[in-house]
């Protein structure tokens, strides 16, 4: 019997940071597990992601960005407001990489994300700057 997709997601993301996570596993979750999600699975994930530990949010955000499903977009946008800076950066990266239309509603949060990155390191985060530029141009 197949494991329900939500249970499979929980299993892959793991209970601790020591749980195995690789790019291969991320792609498997994105292209296998998340593609089997139904509406109630997306809703359940939306309700619980913010309460999860940082490592879990980061892994989940990365898989959401890799899955390229429209159902993942609200979760990626909500991750822009995560309490974990790395999850926020990953969400912005994936939204830019996916060329998702953005508008002025994300300008403030993107500016805040950039402000938390040391000035000397900001050149490494061009995707966030590009996403901010697109949001400003749309406004």
C-alpha atoms as a PDB file:
ATOM      1  CA  UNK A   1       0.000   0.000   0.000  1.00  0.00           C
ATOM      2  CA  UNK A   2       1.297   3.464  -0.889  1.00  0.00           C
ATOM      3  CA  UNK A   3       2.135   5.870   1.896  1.00  0.00           C
ATOM      4  CA  UNK A   4      -0.218   8.867   1.811  1.00  0.00           C
ATOM      5  CA  UNK A   5       1.684  11.809   0.294  1.00  0.00           C
ATOM      6  CA  UNK A   6       1.480  13.996   3.391  1.00  0.00           C
ATOM      7  CA  UNK A   7       2.917  11.210   5.547  1.00  0.00           C
ATOM      8  CA  UNK A   8       5.640  10.662   2.946  1.00  0.00           C
ATOM      9  CA  UNK A   9       6.520  14.362   3.073  1.00  0.00           C
ATOM     10  CA  UNK A  10       6.826  14.246   6.858  1.00  0.00           C
ATOM     11  CA  UNK A  11       9.043  11.186   6.601  1.00  0.00           C
ATOM     12  CA  UNK A  12      11.387  12.767   4.079  1.00  0.00           C
ATOM     13  CA  UNK A  13      11.662  16.104   5.910  1.00  0.00           C
ATOM     14  CA  UNK A  14      12.580  14.266   9.089  1.00  0.00           C
ATOM     15  CA  UNK A  15      12.283  14.863  12.803  1.00  0.00           C
ATOM     16  CA  UNK A  16      15.697  16.478  13.213  1.00  0.00           C
ATOM     17  CA  UNK A  17      18.390  18.299  11.327  1.00  0.00           C
ATOM     18  CA  UNK A  18      20.466  15.110  11.377  1.00  0.00           C
ATOM     19  CA  UNK A  19      17.897  13.347   9.183  1.00  0.00           C
ATOM     20  CA  UNK A  20      19.335  12.708   5.716  1.00  0.00           C
ATOM     21  CA  UNK A  21      18.508  15.463   3.192  1.00  0.00           C
ATOM     22  CA  UNK A  22      20.148  15.769  -0.215  1.00  0.00           C
ATOM     23  CA  UNK A  23      19.375  17.481  -3.508  1.00  0.00           C
ATOM     24  CA  UNK A  24      18.203  14.110  -4.826  1.00  0.00           C
ATOM     25  CA  UNK A  25      15.740  13.722  -1.929  1.00  0.00           C
ATOM     26  CA  UNK A  26      14.556  17.317  -2.432  1.00  0.00           C
ATOM     27  CA  UNK A  27      13.845  16.652  -6.111  1.00  0.00           C
ATOM     28  CA  UNK A  28      12.118  13.365  -5.289  1.00  0.00           C
ATOM     29  CA  UNK A  29       9.873  15.141  -2.768  1.00  0.00           C
ATOM     30  CA  UNK A  30       9.185  17.950  -5.256  1.00  0.00           C
ATOM     31  CA  UNK A  31       8.507  15.830  -8.316  1.00  0.00           C
ATOM     32  CA  UNK A  32       7.086  12.740  -6.654  1.00  0.00           C
ATOM     33  CA  UNK A  33       5.524  13.408  -3.283  1.00  0.00           C
ATOM     34  CA  UNK A  34       4.198  16.970  -3.719  1.00  0.00           C
ATOM     35  CA  UNK A  35       2.743  16.151  -7.134  1.00  0.00           C
ATOM     36  CA  UNK A  36       0.472  13.626  -5.383  1.00  0.00           C
ATOM     37  CA  UNK A  37      -0.852  16.224  -2.945  1.00  0.00           C
ATOM     38  CA  UNK A  38      -4.569  16.942  -2.935  1.00  0.00           C
ATOM     39  CA  UNK A  39      -6.230  20.182  -1.816  1.00  0.00           C
ATOM     40  CA  UNK A  40      -6.506  19.048   1.817  1.00  0.00           C
ATOM     41  CA  UNK A  41      -2.764  18.218   1.902  1.00  0.00           C
ATOM     42  CA  UNK A  42      -1.847  21.726   0.686  1.00  0.00           C
ATOM     43  CA  UNK A  43      -4.157  23.248   3.301  1.00  0.00           C
ATOM     44  CA  UNK A  44      -2.681  21.108   6.060  1.00  0.00           C
ATOM     45  CA  UNK A  45       0.851  22.086   5.050  1.00  0.00           C
ATOM     46  CA  UNK A  46      -0.100  25.774   4.938  1.00  0.00           C
ATOM     47  CA  UNK A  47      -1.443  25.547   8.495  1.00  0.00           C
ATOM     48  CA  UNK A  48       1.609  23.836   9.965  1.00  0.00           C
ATOM     49  CA  UNK A  49       4.711  25.072   8.134  1.00  0.00           C
ATOM     50  CA  UNK A  50       5.278  28.227  10.210  1.00  0.00           C
ATOM     51  CA  UNK A  51       5.278  26.253  13.455  1.00  0.00           C
ATOM     52  CA  UNK A  52       8.003  23.865  12.325  1.00  0.00           C
ATOM     53  CA  UNK A  53      11.713  24.119  13.164  1.00  0.00           C
ATOM     54  CA  UNK A  54      14.002  26.071  10.851  1.00  0.00           C
ATOM     55  CA  UNK A  55      15.585  23.004   9.194  1.00  0.00           C
ATOM     56  CA  UNK A  56      12.113  21.652   8.383  1.00  0.00           C
ATOM     57  CA  UNK A  57      10.908  24.956   6.927  1.00  0.00           C
ATOM     58  CA  UNK A  58      14.058  25.249   4.805  1.00  0.00           C
ATOM     59  CA  UNK A  59      13.721  21.742   3.388  1.00  0.00           C
ATOM     60  CA  UNK A  60      10.032  22.191   2.751  1.00  0.00           C
ATOM     61  CA  UNK A  61      10.509  25.599   1.112  1.00  0.00           C
ATOM     62  CA  UNK A  62      13.202  24.188  -1.145  1.00  0.00           C
ATOM     63  CA  UNK A  63      10.985  21.284  -2.206  1.00  0.00           C
ATOM     64  CA  UNK A  64       8.032  23.641  -2.775  1.00  0.00           C
ATOM     65  CA  UNK A  65      10.169  25.759  -5.073  1.00  0.00           C
ATOM     66  CA  UNK A  66      11.380  22.733  -6.991  1.00  0.00           C
ATOM     67  CA  UNK A  67       7.921  21.250  -7.523  1.00  0.00           C
ATOM     68  CA  UNK A  68       6.753  24.077  -9.797  1.00  0.00           C
ATOM     69  CA  UNK A  69       3.087  23.576  -8.867  1.00  0.00           C
ATOM     70  CA  UNK A  70       0.655  26.506  -8.673  1.00  0.00           C
ATOM     71  CA  UNK A  71      -0.575  25.110  -5.345  1.00  0.00           C
ATOM     72  CA  UNK A  72       2.896  25.712  -3.889  1.00  0.00           C
ATOM     73  CA  UNK A  73       2.864  29.445  -4.619  1.00  0.00           C
ATOM     74  CA  UNK A  74       0.778  30.556  -1.603  1.00  0.00           C
ATOM     75  CA  UNK A  75       3.143  28.605   0.656  1.00  0.00           C
ATOM     76  CA  UNK A  76       6.200  30.196  -0.947  1.00  0.00           C
ATOM     77  CA  UNK A  77       4.672  33.647  -0.512  1.00  0.00           C
ATOM     78  CA  UNK A  78       3.865  32.866   3.115  1.00  0.00           C
ATOM     79  CA  UNK A  79       7.453  31.709   3.663  1.00  0.00           C
ATOM     80  CA  UNK A  80       8.607  35.233   2.792  1.00  0.00           C
ATOM     81  CA  UNK A  81       7.269  36.027   6.284  1.00  0.00           C
ATOM     82  CA  UNK A  82       8.877  33.056   8.055  1.00  0.00           C
ATOM     83  CA  UNK A  83      10.665  33.601  11.329  1.00  0.00           C
ATOM     84  CA  UNK A  84      13.638  31.799   9.738  1.00  0.00           C
ATOM     85  CA  UNK A  85      15.775  34.032   7.521  1.00  0.00           C
ATOM     86  CA  UNK A  86      17.098  31.139   5.418  1.00  0.00           C
ATOM     87  CA  UNK A  87      13.541  30.004   4.634  1.00  0.00           C
ATOM     88  CA  UNK A  88      12.671  33.556   3.594  1.00  0.00           C
ATOM     89  CA  UNK A  89      15.705  33.719   1.316  1.00  0.00           C
ATOM     90  CA  UNK A  90      14.856  30.337  -0.231  1.00  0.00           C
ATOM     91  CA  UNK A  91      11.267  31.420  -0.857  1.00  0.00           C
ATOM     92  CA  UNK A  92      12.398  34.632  -2.577  1.00  0.00           C
ATOM     93  CA  UNK A  93      14.970  32.715  -4.615  1.00  0.00           C
ATOM     94  CA  UNK A  94      12.381  30.223  -5.859  1.00  0.00           C
ATOM     95  CA  UNK A  95       9.777  32.893  -6.614  1.00  0.00           C
ATOM     96  CA  UNK A  96      12.332  34.731  -8.749  1.00  0.00           C
ATOM     97  CA  UNK A  97      13.613  31.578 -10.393  1.00  0.00           C
ATOM     98  CA  UNK A  98      10.030  30.557 -11.259  1.00  0.00           C
ATOM     99  CA  UNK A  99       9.361  34.080 -12.600  1.00  0.00           C
ATOM    100  CA  UNK A 100       6.198  34.301 -10.530  1.00  0.00           C
ATOM    101  CA  UNK A 101       4.369  37.612 -11.038  1.00  0.00           C
ATOM    102  CA  UNK A 102       4.860  39.818  -7.984  1.00  0.00           C
ATOM    103  CA  UNK A 103       3.607  43.248  -7.065  1.00  0.00           C
ATOM    104  CA  UNK A 104       3.983  45.961  -4.481  1.00  0.00           C
ATOM    105  CA  UNK A 105       2.591  43.728  -1.717  1.00  0.00           C
ATOM    106  CA  UNK A 106       6.001  42.024  -1.392  1.00  0.00           C
ATOM    107  CA  UNK A 107       8.221  45.118  -1.592  1.00  0.00           C
ATOM    108  CA  UNK A 108       8.459  45.720   2.156  1.00  0.00           C
ATOM    109  CA  UNK A 109       9.183  42.111   3.056  1.00  0.00           C
ATOM    110  CA  UNK A 110      11.829  41.815   0.326  1.00  0.00           C
ATOM    111  CA  UNK A 111      13.498  45.003   1.542  1.00  0.00           C
ATOM    112  CA  UNK A 112      13.493  43.607   5.061  1.00  0.00           C
ATOM    113  CA  UNK A 113      15.015  40.315   3.912  1.00  0.00           C
ATOM    114  CA  UNK A 114      17.768  42.208   2.082  1.00  0.00           C
ATOM    115  CA  UNK A 115      18.381  44.449   5.088  1.00  0.00           C
ATOM    116  CA  UNK A 116      19.111  41.395   7.224  1.00  0.00           C
ATOM    117  CA  UNK A 117      21.832  40.214   4.842  1.00  0.00           C
ATOM    118  CA  UNK A 118      25.214  41.821   5.562  1.00  0.00           C
ATOM    119  CA  UNK A 119      26.007  44.451   2.914  1.00  0.00           C
ATOM    120  CA  UNK A 120      29.222  42.665   1.943  1.00  0.00           C
ATOM    121  CA  UNK A 121      27.218  39.516   1.090  1.00  0.00           C
ATOM    122  CA  UNK A 122      24.240  41.037  -0.770  1.00  0.00           C
ATOM    123  CA  UNK A 123      25.829  40.522  -4.206  1.00  0.00           C
ATOM    124  CA  UNK A 124      25.428  36.788  -3.594  1.00  0.00           C
ATOM    125  CA  UNK A 125      21.641  37.245  -3.369  1.00  0.00           C
ATOM    126  CA  UNK A 126      20.891  38.728  -6.781  1.00  0.00           C
ATOM    127  CA  UNK A 127      17.637  36.775  -7.062  1.00  0.00           C
ATOM    128  CA  UNK A 128      16.165  38.702  -4.141  1.00  0.00           C
ATOM    129  CA  UNK A 129      17.245  42.019  -5.643  1.00  0.00           C
ATOM    130  CA  UNK A 130      15.798  40.988  -9.010  1.00  0.00           C
ATOM    131  CA  UNK A 131      12.526  39.953  -7.395  1.00  0.00           C
ATOM    132  CA  UNK A 132      12.389  43.279  -5.575  1.00  0.00           C
ATOM    133  CA  UNK A 133      13.050  45.130  -8.837  1.00  0.00           C
ATOM    134  CA  UNK A 134      10.185  43.264 -10.508  1.00  0.00           C
ATOM    135  CA  UNK A 135       7.881  44.018  -7.578  1.00  0.00           C
ATOM    136  CA  UNK A 136       8.766  47.720  -7.723  1.00  0.00           C
ATOM    137  CA  UNK A 137       8.243  47.818 -11.490  1.00  0.00           C
ATOM    138  CA  UNK A 138       4.817  46.210 -11.104  1.00  0.00           C
ATOM    139  CA  UNK A 139       3.732  48.799  -8.534  1.00  0.00           C
END
